[in-house]
Protein backbone atom coordinates (compact mmCIF):
# COMPACT_ATOMS: atom_id res chain seq x y z
CA MET A 1 20.57 -24.30 44.37
CA SER A 2 21.71 -24.67 47.67
CA GLU A 3 24.05 -26.99 48.73
CA LYS A 4 20.50 -28.44 50.62
CA ILE A 5 19.16 -28.89 47.36
CA LYS A 6 22.76 -30.71 45.66
CA LYS A 7 22.36 -33.43 48.69
CA ILE A 8 20.67 -35.44 45.76
CA LYS A 9 23.05 -35.00 42.16
CA VAL A 10 21.11 -38.33 39.94
CA ILE A 11 17.44 -39.07 39.38
CA SER A 12 16.50 -42.04 37.98
CA PHE A 13 13.83 -43.45 35.95
CA ASP A 14 12.07 -46.55 34.71
CA LEU A 15 11.82 -46.53 31.02
CA ASP A 16 8.31 -48.56 30.38
CA GLY A 17 5.32 -47.75 31.72
CA THR A 18 7.11 -44.75 33.03
CA LEU A 19 8.19 -42.28 30.32
CA VAL A 20 7.53 -45.01 27.35
CA ASP A 21 3.95 -46.01 26.53
CA ILE A 22 4.10 -49.55 27.59
CA VAL A 23 2.19 -50.08 24.18
CA TYR A 24 5.25 -50.94 21.55
CA THR A 25 6.93 -53.76 23.97
CA MET A 26 3.44 -55.07 23.85
CA TRP A 27 2.24 -54.43 20.84
CA VAL A 28 5.84 -56.61 19.44
CA TRP A 29 5.91 -59.37 22.00
CA GLU A 30 1.98 -60.19 22.05
CA ARG A 31 0.98 -59.67 19.11
CA GLY A 32 4.26 -58.84 16.60
CA LEU A 33 6.53 -62.18 16.77
CA PRO A 34 2.68 -64.04 16.90
CA GLU A 35 1.87 -63.32 13.55
CA LEU A 36 5.29 -63.92 11.93
CA TYR A 37 4.34 -67.96 13.72
CA ALA A 38 1.52 -67.33 12.31
CA LYS A 39 2.61 -66.94 8.87
CA LYS A 40 5.63 -69.85 9.16
CA ASN A 41 3.15 -72.72 10.72
CA SER A 42 -0.05 -71.79 8.50
CA VAL A 43 -1.66 -71.26 11.84
CA SER A 44 -4.77 -68.81 13.30
CA ILE A 45 -3.34 -65.41 14.80
CA SER A 46 -5.99 -66.79 18.46
CA GLU A 47 -3.06 -70.37 17.84
CA ALA A 48 -0.08 -68.31 17.32
CA ILE A 49 -0.96 -65.73 20.16
CA ALA A 50 -1.63 -69.25 22.49
CA SER A 51 1.27 -71.01 21.46
CA VAL A 52 3.73 -67.94 21.88
CA THR A 53 2.93 -66.74 24.98
CA GLY A 54 2.23 -70.38 26.28
CA GLU A 55 6.55 -70.41 25.57
CA TYR A 56 7.24 -67.46 27.17
CA ALA A 57 4.99 -69.32 30.68
CA ARG A 58 6.84 -72.14 29.84
CA VAL A 59 10.30 -69.53 30.44
CA SER A 60 9.20 -67.20 32.53
CA ASP A 61 10.82 -63.87 33.16
CA ALA A 62 13.53 -65.39 35.76
CA SER A 63 15.04 -66.31 32.73
CA LEU A 64 17.30 -63.88 30.95
CA LYS A 65 15.86 -65.20 27.39
CA TRP A 66 12.63 -64.21 28.22
CA TYR A 67 14.09 -61.06 27.26
CA ASP A 68 16.03 -61.85 25.11
CA ILE A 69 14.73 -61.12 21.36
CA ALA A 70 16.64 -62.74 18.67
CA TYR A 71 16.22 -65.88 21.04
CA TRP A 72 12.65 -66.11 20.66
CA PHE A 73 13.20 -65.67 16.41
CA ASN A 74 15.73 -68.58 16.97
CA PHE A 75 13.38 -70.95 19.21
CA PHE A 76 10.20 -70.26 16.44
CA ASP A 77 12.86 -71.14 13.53
CA LEU A 78 11.51 -67.48 12.15
CA SER A 79 12.08 -66.30 8.84
CA GLY A 80 13.83 -62.48 8.67
CA ASP A 81 15.62 -60.21 11.42
CA TRP A 82 14.67 -59.50 14.42
CA LYS A 83 15.10 -55.62 13.93
CA ASP A 84 12.86 -55.49 11.77
CA LEU A 85 9.72 -56.51 13.64
CA MET A 86 10.73 -53.94 15.85
CA GLU A 87 11.27 -51.35 13.70
CA LYS A 88 7.85 -52.91 11.96
CA HIS A 89 5.65 -51.10 15.18
CA ARG A 90 8.11 -47.88 16.03
CA GLU A 91 5.17 -45.68 15.15
CA LYS A 92 3.74 -47.27 18.38
CA ILE A 93 6.39 -45.74 20.56
CA CYS A 94 4.89 -42.43 22.59
CA LEU A 95 6.19 -40.92 25.61
CA PHE A 96 3.62 -39.87 28.54
CA PRO A 97 1.81 -36.37 27.98
CA GLU A 98 3.97 -34.91 30.79
CA VAL A 99 7.87 -36.55 30.27
CA LYS A 100 9.24 -34.45 27.85
CA GLU A 101 8.48 -31.27 30.49
CA ILE A 102 10.24 -32.63 33.36
CA ILE A 103 12.78 -34.18 31.90
CA GLU A 104 13.77 -30.36 30.31
CA GLU A 105 13.50 -29.22 33.59
CA LEU A 106 15.03 -31.94 35.74
CA THR A 107 18.40 -31.88 33.58
CA GLU A 108 18.32 -27.94 34.02
CA ASP A 109 19.79 -29.01 38.02
CA TYR A 110 20.37 -32.86 38.18
CA GLU A 111 22.33 -35.51 36.27
CA LEU A 112 19.29 -38.60 34.99
CA VAL A 113 19.71 -41.41 33.48
CA ILE A 114 17.41 -44.67 32.69
CA THR A 115 17.62 -48.07 34.71
CA SER A 116 15.12 -50.58 32.69
CA ASN A 117 14.36 -54.27 33.10
CA ALA A 118 13.89 -54.32 29.17
CA ALA A 119 16.94 -55.01 26.61
CA ARG A 120 19.01 -52.69 25.20
CA GLU A 121 17.35 -53.36 22.03
CA PHE A 122 14.35 -51.64 23.30
CA VAL A 123 15.82 -49.47 25.29
CA GLU A 124 18.00 -47.79 22.27
CA ILE A 125 15.20 -47.71 19.50
CA GLU A 126 11.65 -46.33 22.56
CA LEU A 127 14.82 -43.48 23.66
CA GLN A 128 15.72 -43.01 19.73
CA VAL A 129 12.26 -42.50 18.76
CA THR A 130 11.09 -40.98 21.40
CA GLY A 131 13.96 -37.95 21.02
CA ILE A 132 15.05 -37.71 24.84
CA GLU A 133 18.47 -40.25 24.81
CA ASP A 134 20.21 -36.95 24.74
CA TYR A 135 18.51 -36.07 28.47
CA PHE A 136 19.58 -38.56 30.27
CA SER A 137 23.84 -38.99 30.80
CA ARG A 138 23.74 -42.91 31.14
CA ILE A 139 21.29 -46.08 30.45
CA PHE A 140 21.58 -49.13 31.94
CA SER A 141 19.42 -52.61 30.88
CA ALA A 142 19.44 -55.08 34.33
CA THR A 143 19.26 -57.82 31.63
CA SER A 144 21.70 -56.59 29.05
CA ASP A 145 24.09 -54.93 30.88
CA PHE A 146 23.86 -56.66 33.59
CA ARG A 147 22.27 -59.86 33.09
CA GLN A 148 20.26 -59.27 36.01
CA VAL A 149 16.58 -61.04 35.19
CA LYS A 150 15.47 -58.44 37.56
CA LYS A 151 16.15 -54.23 39.34
CA THR A 152 17.37 -56.24 42.82
CA SER A 153 18.95 -54.06 45.17
CA GLN A 154 21.97 -54.86 44.22
CA PHE A 155 22.18 -54.06 40.81
CA TYR A 156 21.22 -50.48 42.45
CA LYS A 157 24.22 -50.58 44.28
CA LYS A 158 26.82 -51.79 40.89
CA LEU A 159 24.92 -48.76 39.52
CA CYS A 160 25.47 -46.51 41.91
CA LYS A 161 29.04 -47.55 42.42
CA THR A 162 29.54 -47.48 38.40
CA ILE A 163 27.38 -43.67 38.00
CA GLY A 164 30.60 -43.16 41.31
CA ILE A 165 27.97 -42.00 43.83
CA SER A 166 26.27 -42.90 47.00
CA PRO A 167 22.60 -44.84 47.10
CA SER A 168 21.37 -41.57 49.35
CA GLN A 169 22.14 -39.59 46.70
CA MET A 170 20.48 -41.15 44.55
CA ILE A 171 16.33 -40.91 43.74
CA HIS A 172 14.71 -43.22 41.45
CA ILE A 173 11.12 -43.44 40.28
CA GLY A 174 9.23 -46.29 38.66
CA ASP A 175 6.17 -48.16 37.77
CA HIS A 176 7.02 -51.84 39.50
CA TYR A 177 5.70 -52.00 43.08
CA GLU A 178 8.97 -54.14 43.79
CA PHE A 179 11.42 -53.42 40.81
CA ASP A 180 11.16 -49.94 40.77
CA TYR A 181 10.02 -49.11 45.08
CA LEU A 182 10.99 -51.73 47.08
CA ALA A 183 14.69 -52.69 45.43
CA PRO A 184 16.04 -49.41 46.01
CA GLN A 185 14.87 -48.87 49.41
CA GLN A 186 16.38 -51.70 50.29
CA ALA A 187 19.74 -50.67 49.30
CA GLY A 188 19.66 -47.34 50.32
CA ILE A 189 18.31 -45.06 47.62
CA GLU A 190 15.00 -42.86 47.90
CA THR A 191 12.15 -44.35 45.54
CA TYR A 192 9.19 -42.58 44.07
CA TYR A 193 5.75 -45.25 42.73
CA LEU A 194 4.52 -44.21 39.62
CA ASP A 195 0.59 -45.55 40.00
CA ARG A 196 -1.12 -44.28 37.13
CA ASP A 197 -3.89 -45.56 37.62
CA GLY A 198 -4.32 -44.85 40.92
CA LYS A 199 -4.52 -49.16 42.09
CA THR A 200 -2.47 -48.60 44.86
CA PRO A 201 -3.15 -46.59 48.30
CA LYS A 202 -2.22 -43.52 48.52
CA ASN A 203 1.50 -42.19 50.10
CA SER A 204 3.67 -39.28 50.17
CA HIS A 205 6.35 -41.62 47.55
CA THR A 206 3.22 -42.44 45.43
CA VAL A 207 2.08 -40.48 42.86
CA LYS A 208 -0.51 -40.10 39.73
CA ASN A 209 2.35 -38.71 36.86
CA LEU A 210 5.58 -36.89 36.84
CA LYS A 211 4.66 -33.65 37.76
CA GLU A 212 3.03 -35.20 41.02
CA PHE A 213 6.91 -36.07 41.65
CA VAL A 214 8.19 -32.89 40.39
CA ARG A 215 6.23 -31.13 43.04
CA ILE A 216 6.77 -33.44 45.61
CA LEU A 217 10.31 -33.65 44.81
CA ARG A 218 11.09 -29.52 45.08
CA TYR A 219 9.21 -29.04 48.00
CA SER A 220 11.16 -31.84 49.94
CA GLN A 221 14.64 -30.76 48.98
CA THR A 222 13.82 -27.84 50.55
CA LYS A 223 12.82 -28.75 53.58
CA ARG A 224 16.62 -30.72 54.66
């Protein structure tokens, strides 16, 4: 590989919605936990979902509590262990079809890392079940590791400093327009927005899947 291509040293991936389907996290938060609430309080599942999601909304995703499953177990006074709930639904964890092939290819030329808003408990079980953990040199949770509720530009700057690279040596891709596209871009990182549903107007940095991302990446790097 030429020195020009080697300028980019690290590729950062968001996890949920980018590498792993969000069905697992949605099931745990929006079905699994309400089922425990329904059983404890002898109410219907629809009533439980309304009560539980109402409390989520009251706290809001601007609070670290919103991401903390242990907090919600204590808040609702649920019996059992939150780890059991996460294990119970682990069969719903799945990679998007192209992921394994893409990360196997990219790991030959780049250091790969994961940056996620999700709590480390979710990140770790998803990586364990999908078997892709060994492809990534580092795993960063904004909420668990940096105590930030969102991936901000400052988060990405801290991430680069921790890795020991400049922002210009990293590329980030993810499926959230603000946290995966705009925020790292403001930190000086080259970014790509993953729009699997095709809801955003197409541009050179919007891709529909990771195969398209790699094609653009390979082409753009050879032009530098």
